[in-house]
């Protein structure tokens, strides 16, 4: 009798598992910048020249404001990596506002979270930062990605700033001529 269901071959299962494991969770619109993506600094200098252009910007959230039909994200711009993730550091290109056409929970989209937005540049709004009037480029978001929170780095062993004078070449994990088996314990 002939078999109707083909026999599963392990190499095909392995290949399909490897291909699904390599798939990125980051949306394609976030990973790839538009061809003529203007920088936030250039747009802040003269917003009128860049109206209706596609942009991909990101940074750290400053505030999340829910309105009747949209959520306004105020973002402190940062340089982006090749996959669109905002880089950590003190470099900032300025601030911008992203209008997301749905409700976003302010507890999830909280301050200091990294976000990347792609969309169309609409206009510039002037708001106060302290007592200083600041011009915010406004982007109508078509795609956005909230990056996962980075885990806090554990403190040094046994406490921050701890230093072991015996840790190094010939001691500890580095082999050397003095103590080839690690730490200088006498047996």
Protein backbone atom coordinates (compact mmCIF):
# COMPACT_ATOMS: atom_id res chain seq x y z
CA UNK A 1 0.00 0.00 0.00
CA UNK A 2 1.30 3.41 -0.91
CA UNK A 3 1.83 6.01 1.78
CA UNK A 4 -0.12 9.27 1.22
CA UNK A 5 1.63 11.41 3.81
CA UNK A 6 5.33 12.02 3.06
CA UNK A 7 7.81 10.98 5.68
CA UNK A 8 9.26 13.93 7.65
CA UNK A 9 12.94 14.39 6.93
CA UNK A 10 15.06 15.72 9.82
CA UNK A 11 17.16 18.03 7.64
CA UNK A 12 14.05 19.89 6.46
CA UNK A 13 12.85 20.27 10.01
CA UNK A 14 16.23 21.67 11.02
CA UNK A 15 16.28 24.12 8.10
CA UNK A 16 12.77 25.37 8.85
CA UNK A 17 13.63 25.78 12.53
CA UNK A 18 16.76 27.77 11.68
CA UNK A 19 14.85 30.05 9.29
CA UNK A 20 12.13 30.85 11.82
CA UNK A 21 14.71 31.50 14.54
CA UNK A 22 16.45 34.09 12.36
CA UNK A 23 13.29 36.11 11.67
CA UNK A 24 13.45 39.58 13.18
CA UNK A 25 10.68 40.90 15.40
CA UNK A 26 11.47 44.48 14.32
CA UNK A 27 9.12 45.75 11.58
CA UNK A 28 10.73 46.29 8.17
CA UNK A 29 9.71 49.98 8.12
CA UNK A 30 11.72 50.50 11.32
CA UNK A 31 14.77 48.48 10.19
CA UNK A 32 15.12 50.27 6.86
CA UNK A 33 15.28 54.07 6.64
CA UNK A 34 13.61 55.89 3.74
CA UNK A 35 15.97 56.58 0.83
CA UNK A 36 16.06 60.35 1.42
CA UNK A 37 15.69 60.35 5.20
CA UNK A 38 16.49 63.88 6.46
CA UNK A 39 18.17 64.26 9.84
CA UNK A 40 16.28 65.75 12.77
CA UNK A 41 18.86 68.55 13.02
CA UNK A 42 18.33 69.55 9.37
CA UNK A 43 14.54 69.56 9.75
CA UNK A 44 14.66 71.62 12.93
CA UNK A 45 16.72 74.22 11.05
CA UNK A 46 14.10 74.67 8.31
CA UNK A 47 10.96 72.56 8.66
CA UNK A 48 9.17 74.11 5.68
CA UNK A 49 11.66 72.57 3.22
CA UNK A 50 10.94 69.04 4.43
CA UNK A 51 7.14 68.98 4.80
CA UNK A 52 5.40 65.79 3.56
CA UNK A 53 8.69 63.84 3.50
CA UNK A 54 9.07 60.36 4.98
CA UNK A 55 11.32 60.21 8.05
CA UNK A 56 12.66 57.58 10.44
CA UNK A 57 13.63 59.04 13.79
CA UNK A 58 14.04 57.65 17.27
CA UNK A 59 15.20 58.38 20.77
CA UNK A 60 14.07 58.32 24.38
CA UNK A 61 10.52 59.12 25.37
CA UNK A 62 10.04 62.31 27.36
CA UNK A 63 6.27 62.21 27.60
CA UNK A 64 3.14 60.38 26.44
CA UNK A 65 -0.05 62.39 26.02
CA UNK A 66 -3.29 60.64 25.10
CA UNK A 67 -5.80 62.70 23.15
CA UNK A 68 -9.25 61.79 21.85
CA UNK A 69 -8.15 59.95 18.68
CA UNK A 70 -4.37 59.69 18.99
CA UNK A 71 -1.39 59.53 21.31
CA UNK A 72 1.28 62.24 21.14
CA UNK A 73 4.76 61.00 21.98
CA UNK A 74 7.38 63.61 22.83
CA UNK A 75 10.79 62.15 22.01
CA UNK A 76 14.34 63.31 22.70
CA UNK A 77 16.03 62.40 19.42
CA UNK A 78 19.12 60.18 19.32
CA UNK A 79 21.30 58.74 16.55
CA UNK A 80 20.00 55.42 15.22
CA UNK A 81 21.92 52.21 14.58
CA UNK A 82 21.64 50.47 11.22
CA UNK A 83 18.58 48.50 12.40
CA UNK A 84 16.87 51.63 13.74
CA UNK A 85 17.56 51.31 17.46
CA UNK A 86 18.31 54.59 19.24
CA UNK A 87 21.87 54.68 20.55
CA UNK A 88 22.54 55.29 24.23
CA UNK A 89 24.52 58.34 25.17
CA UNK A 90 24.27 62.07 25.59
CA UNK A 91 24.17 62.90 21.86
CA UNK A 92 20.84 64.45 20.91
CA UNK A 93 19.63 65.96 17.67
CA UNK A 94 16.75 67.71 19.43
CA UNK A 95 13.15 66.88 20.23
CA UNK A 96 10.21 65.89 18.08
CA UNK A 97 6.57 64.90 18.46
CA UNK A 98 5.15 61.71 16.95
CA UNK A 99 1.37 61.44 16.57
CA UNK A 100 0.35 57.77 16.80
CA UNK A 101 -3.22 57.11 15.55
CA UNK A 102 -4.22 54.84 18.44
CA UNK A 103 -4.21 54.65 22.22
CA UNK A 104 -0.84 53.81 23.79
CA UNK A 105 -0.68 53.09 27.50
CA UNK A 106 1.47 55.75 29.24
CA UNK A 107 2.72 53.18 31.76
CA UNK A 108 4.14 51.05 28.93
CA UNK A 109 5.30 54.02 26.85
CA UNK A 110 6.93 55.59 29.91
CA UNK A 111 9.71 58.14 30.15
CA UNK A 112 13.24 56.98 29.21
CA UNK A 113 12.01 54.09 27.03
CA UNK A 114 13.55 53.87 23.55
CA UNK A 115 11.21 54.27 20.59
CA UNK A 116 11.65 54.50 16.82
CA UNK A 117 9.03 56.06 14.55
CA UNK A 118 8.55 56.25 10.79
CA UNK A 119 6.04 58.58 9.22
CA UNK A 120 5.33 61.78 7.35
CA UNK A 121 6.57 65.17 8.52
CA UNK A 122 3.51 67.41 8.97
CA UNK A 123 4.48 70.70 10.56
CA UNK A 124 6.36 72.34 13.41
CA UNK A 125 4.75 73.18 16.76
CA UNK A 126 6.24 75.64 19.22
CA UNK A 127 6.03 74.66 22.89
CA UNK A 128 7.85 75.80 25.97
CA UNK A 129 10.74 73.85 27.47
CA UNK A 130 10.96 75.56 30.83
CA UNK A 131 10.57 79.19 29.72
CA UNK A 132 12.31 78.68 26.37
CA UNK A 133 10.14 78.48 23.22
CA UNK A 134 11.14 75.33 21.34
CA UNK A 135 10.13 74.28 17.81
CA UNK A 136 9.11 70.61 17.63
CA UNK A 137 8.87 68.89 14.23
CA UNK A 138 5.62 66.88 14.18
CA UNK A 139 5.52 63.44 12.52
CA UNK A 140 2.32 61.58 11.66
CA UNK A 141 3.45 58.06 12.62
CA UNK A 142 2.71 55.17 10.29
CA UNK A 143 4.89 52.65 12.09
CA UNK A 144 6.49 52.67 15.53
CA UNK A 145 8.49 50.28 17.67
CA UNK A 146 9.03 50.38 21.43
CA UNK A 147 12.38 48.74 22.12
CA UNK A 148 12.62 46.21 24.97
CA UNK A 149 13.92 47.55 28.24
CA UNK A 150 17.59 46.90 28.86
CA UNK A 151 18.22 44.88 32.01
CA UNK A 152 20.16 46.63 34.71
CA UNK A 153 23.77 45.54 34.88
CA UNK A 154 24.55 43.70 38.11
CA UNK A 155 27.04 45.34 40.39
CA UNK A 156 30.63 44.17 40.51
CA UNK A 157 31.63 41.23 42.65
CA UNK A 158 31.33 41.46 45.63
CA UNK A 159 30.54 45.20 45.37
CA UNK A 160 31.16 48.02 42.87
CA UNK A 161 34.82 48.96 42.58
CA UNK A 162 36.03 45.62 43.95
CA UNK A 163 39.55 44.72 42.90
CA UNK A 164 41.39 41.43 43.38
CA UNK A 165 45.16 41.91 43.26
CA UNK A 166 45.67 38.18 42.56
CA UNK A 167 43.41 38.19 39.48
CA UNK A 168 45.41 38.35 36.27
CA UNK A 169 48.08 36.57 34.23
CA UNK A 170 49.11 33.44 36.07
CA UNK A 171 46.32 33.83 38.61
CA UNK A 172 42.59 33.40 38.33
CA UNK A 173 41.28 32.27 34.95
CA UNK A 174 44.41 33.20 32.99
CA UNK A 175 46.94 30.37 32.82
CA UNK A 176 50.53 31.26 33.49
CA UNK A 177 53.85 29.81 34.53
CA UNK A 178 53.43 30.62 38.22
CA UNK A 179 50.14 28.90 39.02
CA UNK A 180 48.94 26.82 36.08
CA UNK A 181 45.83 25.59 37.91
CA UNK A 182 44.30 28.97 38.81
CA UNK A 183 44.26 30.80 42.09
CA UNK A 184 47.37 30.29 44.29
CA UNK A 185 45.93 27.92 46.83
CA UNK A 186 48.44 25.58 48.40
CA UNK A 187 47.31 22.02 48.65
